[in-house]
Amino acid sequence: MRKLMLMLAATAAILFAGALTWNAQASVTGGSGNLAITAKNFTPIIKTACGGPGAHCRWGRHWVCGPMGRCWCAPC
């Protein structure tokens, strides 16, 4: 009997959490009014690397220096 009540309580909690997240309301950035402008500026080409490994960093990273003089390899 306890297992049944525990399963029912867990099912109710999962259904309640799912009901709260049901409406995602996803939209295109800038709204649907700017869809033509967004489509005109869209390119399917994605930059995958910074141009090869350098003196300090491996592929996919580049050398960045911060305001206090600390430098590191940051992702592209």
PDB file of N, CA and C in Angstrom:
ATOM      1  N   MET A   1       0.822  -1.189   0.000  1.00  0.00           N
ATOM      2  CA  MET A   1       0.000   0.000   0.000  1.00  0.00           C
ATOM      3  C   MET A   1       0.868   1.257   0.000  1.00  0.00           C
ATOM      4  N   ARG A   2       1.984   1.221   0.746  1.00  0.00           N
ATOM      5  CA  ARG A   2       2.866   2.385   0.801  1.00  0.00           C
ATOM      6  C   ARG A   2       3.517   2.640  -0.550  1.00  0.00           C
ATOM      7  N   LYS A   3       3.892   1.552  -1.249  1.00  0.00           N
ATOM      8  CA  LYS A   3       4.508   1.709  -2.559  1.00  0.00           C
ATOM      9  C   LYS A   3       3.526   2.336  -3.540  1.00  0.00           C
ATOM     10  N   LEU A   4       2.273   1.941  -3.473  1.00  0.00           N
ATOM     11  CA  LEU A   4       1.258   2.501  -4.352  1.00  0.00           C
ATOM     12  C   LEU A   4       1.075   3.993  -4.086  1.00  0.00           C
ATOM     13  N   MET A   5       1.003   4.373  -2.831  1.00  0.00           N
ATOM     14  CA  MET A   5       0.844   5.789  -2.483  1.00  0.00           C
ATOM     15  C   MET A   5       2.068   6.600  -2.892  1.00  0.00           C
ATOM     16  N   LEU A   6       3.250   6.013  -2.727  1.00  0.00           N
ATOM     17  CA  LEU A   6       4.479   6.694  -3.125  1.00  0.00           C
ATOM     18  C   LEU A   6       4.521   6.884  -4.641  1.00  0.00           C
ATOM     19  N   MET A   7       4.119   5.858  -5.408  1.00  0.00           N
ATOM     20  CA  MET A   7       4.088   5.974  -6.866  1.00  0.00           C
ATOM     21  C   MET A   7       3.062   7.009  -7.312  1.00  0.00           C
ATOM     22  N   LEU A   8       1.909   7.041  -6.673  1.00  0.00           N
ATOM     23  CA  LEU A   8       0.892   8.026  -7.029  1.00  0.00           C
ATOM     24  C   LEU A   8       1.357   9.448  -6.717  1.00  0.00           C
ATOM     25  N   ALA A   9       2.025   9.644  -5.595  1.00  0.00           N
ATOM     26  CA  ALA A   9       2.526  10.962  -5.239  1.00  0.00           C
ATOM     27  C   ALA A   9       3.625  11.410  -6.201  1.00  0.00           C
ATOM     28  N   ALA A  10       4.515  10.496  -6.585  1.00  0.00           N
ATOM     29  CA  ALA A  10       5.571  10.832  -7.531  1.00  0.00           C
ATOM     30  C   ALA A  10       4.990  11.151  -8.905  1.00  0.00           C
ATOM     31  N   THR A  11       3.996  10.382  -9.341  1.00  0.00           N
ATOM     32  CA  THR A  11       3.349  10.640 -10.623  1.00  0.00           C
ATOM     33  C   THR A  11       2.649  11.991 -10.625  1.00  0.00           C
ATOM     34  N   ALA A  12       1.983  12.318  -9.538  1.00  0.00           N
ATOM     35  CA  ALA A  12       1.305  13.609  -9.435  1.00  0.00           C
ATOM     36  C   ALA A  12       2.305  14.754  -9.469  1.00  0.00           C
ATOM     37  N   ALA A  13       3.440  14.591  -8.805  1.00  0.00           N
ATOM     38  CA  ALA A  13       4.461  15.641  -8.804  1.00  0.00           C
ATOM     39  C   ALA A  13       5.045  15.842 -10.195  1.00  0.00           C
ATOM     40  N   ILE A  14       5.296  14.751 -10.904  1.00  0.00           N
ATOM     41  CA  ILE A  14       5.843  14.857 -12.259  1.00  0.00           C
ATOM     42  C   ILE A  14       4.826  15.494 -13.202  1.00  0.00           C
ATOM     43  N   LEU A  15       3.553  15.118 -13.108  1.00  0.00           N
ATOM     44  CA  LEU A  15       2.526  15.712 -13.943  1.00  0.00           C
ATOM     45  C   LEU A  15       2.351  17.195 -13.644  1.00  0.00           C
ATOM     46  N   PHE A  16       2.425  17.575 -12.385  1.00  0.00           N
ATOM     47  CA  PHE A  16       2.302  18.977 -12.004  1.00  0.00           C
ATOM     48  C   PHE A  16       3.467  19.789 -12.552  1.00  0.00           C
ATOM     49  N   ALA A  17       4.687  19.260 -12.446  1.00  0.00           N
ATOM     50  CA  ALA A  17       5.865  19.960 -12.989  1.00  0.00           C
ATOM     51  C   ALA A  17       5.781  20.050 -14.500  1.00  0.00           C
ATOM     52  N   GLY A  18       5.283  19.017 -15.160  1.00  0.00           N
ATOM     53  CA  GLY A  18       5.127  19.060 -16.608  1.00  0.00           C
ATOM     54  C   GLY A  18       4.079  20.061 -17.049  1.00  0.00           C
ATOM     55  N   ALA A  19       3.022  20.210 -16.272  1.00  0.00           N
ATOM     56  CA  ALA A  19       1.976  21.178 -16.605  1.00  0.00           C
ATOM     57  C   ALA A  19       2.499  22.612 -16.481  1.00  0.00           C
ATOM     58  N   LEU A  20       3.402  22.850 -15.554  1.00  0.00           N
ATOM     59  CA  LEU A  20       3.967  24.193 -15.390  1.00  0.00           C
ATOM     60  C   LEU A  20       4.885  24.568 -16.537  1.00  0.00           C
ATOM     61  N   THR A  21       5.566  23.603 -17.130  1.00  0.00           N
ATOM     62  CA  THR A  21       6.512  23.885 -18.198  1.00  0.00           C
ATOM     63  C   THR A  21       5.939  23.600 -19.578  1.00  0.00           C
ATOM     64  N   TRP A  22       4.649  23.361 -19.698  1.00  0.00           N
ATOM     65  CA  TRP A  22       4.059  22.969 -20.967  1.00  0.00           C
ATOM     66  C   TRP A  22       4.148  24.083 -22.002  1.00  0.00           C
ATOM     67  N   ASN A  23       3.874  25.333 -21.649  1.00  0.00           N
ATOM     68  CA  ASN A  23       3.868  26.445 -22.597  1.00  0.00           C
ATOM     69  C   ASN A  23       5.246  27.074 -22.679  1.00  0.00           C
ATOM     70  N   ALA A  24       6.043  26.667 -23.658  1.00  0.00           N
ATOM     71  CA  ALA A  24       7.385  27.212 -23.814  1.00  0.00           C
ATOM     72  C   ALA A  24       7.347  28.570 -24.497  1.00  0.00           C
ATOM     73  N   GLN A  25       6.428  28.791 -25.419  1.00  0.00           N
ATOM     74  CA  GLN A  25       6.262  30.033 -26.150  1.00  0.00           C
ATOM     75  C   GLN A  25       7.571  30.502 -26.777  1.00  0.00           C
ATOM     76  N   ALA A  26       8.201  29.637 -27.546  1.00  0.00           N
ATOM     77  CA  ALA A  26       9.442  29.982 -28.216  1.00  0.00           C
ATOM     78  C   ALA A  26       9.154  30.911 -29.389  1.00  0.00           C
ATOM     79  N   SER A  27      10.078  31.833 -29.655  1.00  0.00           N
ATOM     80  CA  SER A  27       9.907  32.750 -30.771  1.00  0.00           C
ATOM     81  C   SER A  27      11.260  33.090 -31.370  1.00  0.00           C
ATOM     82  N   VAL A  28      11.226  33.629 -32.560  1.00  0.00           N
ATOM     83  CA  VAL A  28      12.444  34.063 -33.236  1.00  0.00           C
ATOM     84  C   VAL A  28      12.909  35.356 -32.582  1.00  0.00           C
ATOM     85  N   THR A  29      14.212  35.534 -32.438  1.00  0.00           N
ATOM     86  CA  THR A  29      14.721  36.767 -31.838  1.00  0.00           C
ATOM     87  C   THR A  29      14.301  37.957 -32.674  1.00  0.00           C
ATOM     88  N   GLY A  30      13.834  38.979 -32.031  1.00  0.00           N
ATOM     89  CA  GLY A  30      13.410  40.167 -32.739  1.00  0.00           C
ATOM     90  C   GLY A  30      11.948  40.139 -33.138  1.00  0.00           C
ATOM     91  N   GLY A  31      11.236  39.077 -32.877  1.00  0.00           N
ATOM     92  CA  GLY A  31       9.835  38.988 -33.221  1.00  0.00           C
ATOM     93  C   GLY A  31       9.622  38.559 -34.655  1.00  0.00           C
ATOM     94  N   SER A  32       8.382  38.258 -34.999  1.00  0.00           N
ATOM     95  CA  SER A  32       8.093  37.784 -36.350  1.00  0.00           C
ATOM     96  C   SER A  32       8.079  38.920 -37.361  1.00  0.00           C
ATOM     97  N   GLY A  33       8.021  40.173 -36.923  1.00  0.00           N
ATOM     98  CA  GLY A  33       8.039  41.304 -37.838  1.00  0.00           C
ATOM     99  C   GLY A  33       9.379  41.469 -38.530  1.00  0.00           C
ATOM    100  N   ASN A  34      10.451  41.063 -37.882  1.00  0.00           N
ATOM    101  CA  ASN A  34      11.794  41.182 -38.451  1.00  0.00           C
ATOM    102  C   ASN A  34      12.256  39.896 -39.107  1.00  0.00           C
ATOM    103  N   LEU A  35      11.338  38.988 -39.411  1.00  0.00           N
ATOM    104  CA  LEU A  35      11.713  37.694 -39.956  1.00  0.00           C
ATOM    105  C   LEU A  35      12.381  37.827 -41.320  1.00  0.00           C
ATOM    106  N   ALA A  36      11.908  38.738 -42.164  1.00  0.00           N
ATOM    107  CA  ALA A  36      12.516  38.922 -43.482  1.00  0.00           C
ATOM    108  C   ALA A  36      13.947  39.445 -43.358  1.00  0.00           C
ATOM    109  N   ILE A  37      14.173  40.359 -42.443  1.00  0.00           N
ATOM    110  CA  ILE A  37      15.520  40.904 -42.228  1.00  0.00           C
ATOM    111  C   ILE A  37      16.430  39.825 -41.663  1.00  0.00           C
ATOM    112  N   THR A  38      15.920  39.033 -40.722  1.00  0.00           N
ATOM    113  CA  THR A  38      16.702  37.951 -40.133  1.00  0.00           C
ATOM    114  C   THR A  38      17.053  36.905 -41.189  1.00  0.00           C
ATOM    115  N   ALA A  39      16.110  36.575 -42.055  1.00  0.00           N
ATOM    116  CA  ALA A  39      16.364  35.582 -43.097  1.00  0.00           C
ATOM    117  C   ALA A  39      17.384  36.096 -44.104  1.00  0.00           C
ATOM    118  N   LYS A  40      17.383  37.387 -44.376  1.00  0.00           N
ATOM    119  CA  LYS A  40      18.316  37.954 -45.338  1.00  0.00           C
ATOM    120  C   LYS A  40      19.748  37.912 -44.790  1.00  0.00           C
ATOM    121  N   ASN A  41      19.912  38.099 -43.494  1.00  0.00           N
ATOM    122  CA  ASN A  41      21.235  38.130 -42.874  1.00  0.00           C
ATOM    123  C   ASN A  41      21.703  36.761 -42.398  1.00  0.00           C
ATOM    124  N   PHE A  42      20.901  35.721 -42.586  1.00  0.00           N
ATOM    125  CA  PHE A  42      21.239  34.390 -42.094  1.00  0.00           C
ATOM    126  C   PHE A  42      22.268  33.721 -42.993  1.00  0.00           C
ATOM    127  N   THR A  43      23.231  33.063 -42.398  1.00  0.00           N
ATOM    128  CA  THR A  43      24.184  32.256 -43.142  1.00  0.00           C
ATOM    129  C   THR A  43      24.360  30.920 -42.423  1.00  0.00           C
ATOM    130  N   PRO A  44      24.335  29.807 -43.152  1.00  0.00           N
ATOM    131  CA  PRO A  44      24.498  28.505 -42.504  1.00  0.00           C
ATOM    132  C   PRO A  44      25.953  28.172 -42.201  1.00  0.00           C
ATOM    133  N   ILE A  45      26.869  29.042 -42.569  1.00  0.00           N
ATOM    134  CA  ILE A  45      28.291  28.789 -42.347  1.00  0.00           C
ATOM    135  C   ILE A  45      28.644  29.189 -40.923  1.00  0.00           C
ATOM    136  N   ILE A  46      29.239  28.246 -40.201  1.00  0.00           N
ATOM    137  CA  ILE A  46      29.632  28.486 -38.813  1.00  0.00           C
ATOM    138  C   ILE A  46      31.143  28.375 -38.715  1.00  0.00           C
ATOM    139  N   LYS A  47      31.757  29.346 -38.078  1.00  0.00           N
ATOM    140  CA  LYS A  47      33.199  29.306 -37.896  1.00  0.00           C
ATOM    141  C   LYS A  47      33.522  28.234 -36.857  1.00  0.00           C
ATOM    142  N   THR A  48      34.343  27.256 -37.237  1.00  0.00           N
ATOM    143  CA  THR A  48      34.615  26.140 -36.338  1.00  0.00           C
ATOM    144  C   THR A  48      35.961  26.248 -35.637  1.00  0.00           C
ATOM    145  N   ALA A  49      36.850  27.040 -36.160  1.00  0.00           N
ATOM    146  CA  ALA A  49      38.164  27.172 -35.531  1.00  0.00           C
ATOM    147  C   ALA A  49      38.713  28.565 -35.810  1.00  0.00           C
ATOM    148  N   CYS A  50      39.758  28.912 -35.129  1.00  0.00           N
ATOM    149  CA  CYS A  50      40.349  30.236 -35.269  1.00  0.00           C
ATOM    150  C   CYS A  50      41.403  30.277 -36.365  1.00  0.00           C
ATOM    151  N   GLY A  51      41.603  29.235 -37.082  1.00  0.00           N
ATOM    152  CA  GLY A  51      42.602  29.237 -38.133  1.00  0.00           C
ATOM    153  C   GLY A  51      43.778  28.330 -37.835  1.00  0.00           C
ATOM    154  N   GLY A  52      43.666  27.479 -36.877  1.00  0.00           N
ATOM    155  CA  GLY A  52      44.738  26.535 -36.596  1.00  0.00           C
ATOM    156  C   GLY A  52      45.402  26.802 -35.264  1.00  0.00           C
ATOM    157  N   PRO A  53      46.196  25.839 -34.826  1.00  0.00           N
ATOM    158  CA  PRO A  53      46.882  26.016 -33.548  1.00  0.00           C
ATOM    159  C   PRO A  53      47.957  27.090 -33.676  1.00  0.00           C
ATOM    160  N   GLY A  54      48.104  27.864 -32.624  1.00  0.00           N
ATOM    161  CA  GLY A  54      49.110  28.924 -32.617  1.00  0.00           C
ATOM    162  C   GLY A  54      50.294  28.549 -31.749  1.00  0.00           C
ATOM    163  N   ALA A  55      51.045  29.560 -31.364  1.00  0.00           N
ATOM    164  CA  ALA A  55      52.227  29.336 -30.538  1.00  0.00           C
ATOM    165  C   ALA A  55      51.846  28.913 -29.124  1.00  0.00           C
ATOM    166  N   HIS A  56      50.678  29.349 -28.668  1.00  0.00           N
ATOM    167  CA  HIS A  56      50.277  29.085 -27.282  1.00  0.00           C
ATOM    168  C   HIS A  56      49.102  28.137 -27.146  1.00  0.00           C
ATOM    169  N   CYS A  57      48.177  28.128 -28.131  1.00  0.00           N
ATOM    170  CA  CYS A  57      46.904  27.422 -27.977  1.00  0.00           C
ATOM    171  C   CYS A  57      46.721  26.341 -29.033  1.00  0.00           C
ATOM    172  N   ARG A  58      45.842  25.387 -28.711  1.00  0.00           N
ATOM    173  CA  ARG A  58      45.521  24.306 -29.633  1.00  0.00           C
ATOM    174  C   ARG A  58      44.369  24.736 -30.543  1.00  0.00           C
ATOM    175  N   TRP A  59      43.907  23.818 -31.407  1.00  0.00           N
ATOM    176  CA  TRP A  59      42.807  24.087 -32.314  1.00  0.00           C
ATOM    177  C   TRP A  59      41.555  24.491 -31.544  1.00  0.00           C
ATOM    178  N   GLY A  60      40.809  25.456 -32.062  1.00  0.00           N
ATOM    179  CA  GLY A  60      39.555  25.867 -31.450  1.00  0.00           C
ATOM    180  C   GLY A  60      39.709  26.862 -30.322  1.00  0.00           C
ATOM    181  N   ARG A  61      40.910  27.338 -30.076  1.00  0.00           N
ATOM    182  CA  ARG A  61      41.152  28.328 -29.014  1.00  0.00           C
ATOM    183  C   ARG A  61      42.077  29.414 -29.537  1.00  0.00           C
ATOM    184  N   HIS A  62      41.997  30.593 -28.933  1.00  0.00           N
ATOM    185  CA  HIS A  62      42.892  31.678 -29.300  1.00  0.00           C
ATOM    186  C   HIS A  62      43.403  32.367 -28.043  1.00  0.00           C
ATOM    187  N   TRP A  63      44.492  33.091 -28.183  1.00  0.00           N
ATOM    188  CA  TRP A  63      45.188  33.716 -27.060  1.00  0.00           C
ATOM    189  C   TRP A  63      44.494  35.022 -26.702  1.00  0.00           C
ATOM    190  N   VAL A  64      44.079  35.164 -25.417  1.00  0.00           N
ATOM    191  CA  VAL A  64      43.369  36.343 -24.941  1.00  0.00           C
ATOM    192  C   VAL A  64      44.076  36.842 -23.696  1.00  0.00           C
ATOM    193  N   CYS A  65      44.246  38.161 -23.605  1.00  0.00           N
ATOM    194  CA  CYS A  65      44.830  38.765 -22.414  1.00  0.00           C
ATOM    195  C   CYS A  65      43.799  39.644 -21.735  1.00  0.00           C
ATOM    196  N   GLY A  66      43.699  39.533 -20.417  1.00  0.00           N
ATOM    197  CA  GLY A  66      42.737  40.294 -19.642  1.00  0.00           C
ATOM    198  C   GLY A  66      43.279  41.647 -19.224  1.00  0.00           C
ATOM    199  N   PRO A  67      42.492  42.400 -18.488  1.00  0.00           N
ATOM    200  CA  PRO A  67      42.884  43.753 -18.096  1.00  0.00           C
ATOM    201  C   PRO A  67      44.042  43.793 -17.090  1.00  0.00           C
ATOM    202  N   MET A  68      44.246  42.729 -16.347  1.00  0.00           N
ATOM    203  CA  MET A  68      45.321  42.715 -15.335  1.00  0.00           C
ATOM    204  C   MET A  68      46.591  42.059 -15.869  1.00  0.00           C
ATOM    205  N   GLY A  69      46.656  41.818 -17.169  1.00  0.00           N
ATOM    206  CA  GLY A  69      47.850  41.228 -17.761  1.00  0.00           C
ATOM    207  C   GLY A  69      47.880  39.713 -17.764  1.00  0.00           C
ATOM    208  N   ARG A  70      46.814  39.078 -17.264  1.00  0.00           N
ATOM    209  CA  ARG A  70      46.751  37.610 -17.293  1.00  0.00           C
ATOM    210  C   ARG A  70      46.292  37.183 -18.672  1.00  0.00           C
ATOM    211  N   CYS A  71      46.921  36.186 -19.238  1.00  0.00           N
ATOM    212  CA  CYS A  71      46.579  35.680 -20.574  1.00  0.00           C
ATOM    213  C   CYS A  71      46.220  34.200 -20.487  1.00  0.00           C
ATOM    214  N   TRP A  72      45.327  33.759 -21.384  1.00  0.00           N
ATOM    215  CA  TRP A  72      44.882  32.375 -21.406  1.00  0.00           C
ATOM    216  C   TRP A  72      44.354  32.019 -22.789  1.00  0.00           C
ATOM    217  N   CYS A  73      44.113  30.727 -22.992  1.00  0.00           N
ATOM    218  CA  CYS A  73      43.526  30.238 -24.238  1.00  0.00           C
ATOM    219  C   CYS A  73      42.013  30.193 -24.071  1.00  0.00           C
ATOM    220  N   ALA A  74      41.294  31.023 -24.822  1.00  0.00           N
ATOM    221  CA  ALA A  74      39.842  31.096 -24.755  1.00  0.00           C
ATOM    222  C   ALA A  74      39.238  30.406 -25.965  1.00  0.00           C
ATOM    223  N   PRO A  75      38.057  29.802 -25.827  1.00  0.00           N
ATOM    224  CA  PRO A  75      37.411  29.187 -26.984  1.00  0.00           C
ATOM    225  C   PRO A  75      37.031  30.244 -28.014  1.00  0.00           C
ATOM    226  N   CYS A  76      37.058  29.850 -29.278  1.00  0.00           N
ATOM    227  CA  CYS A  76      36.708  30.779 -30.371  1.00  0.00           C
ATOM    228  C   CYS A  76      35.226  31.063 -30.384  1.00  0.00           C
TER     229      CYS A  76
END
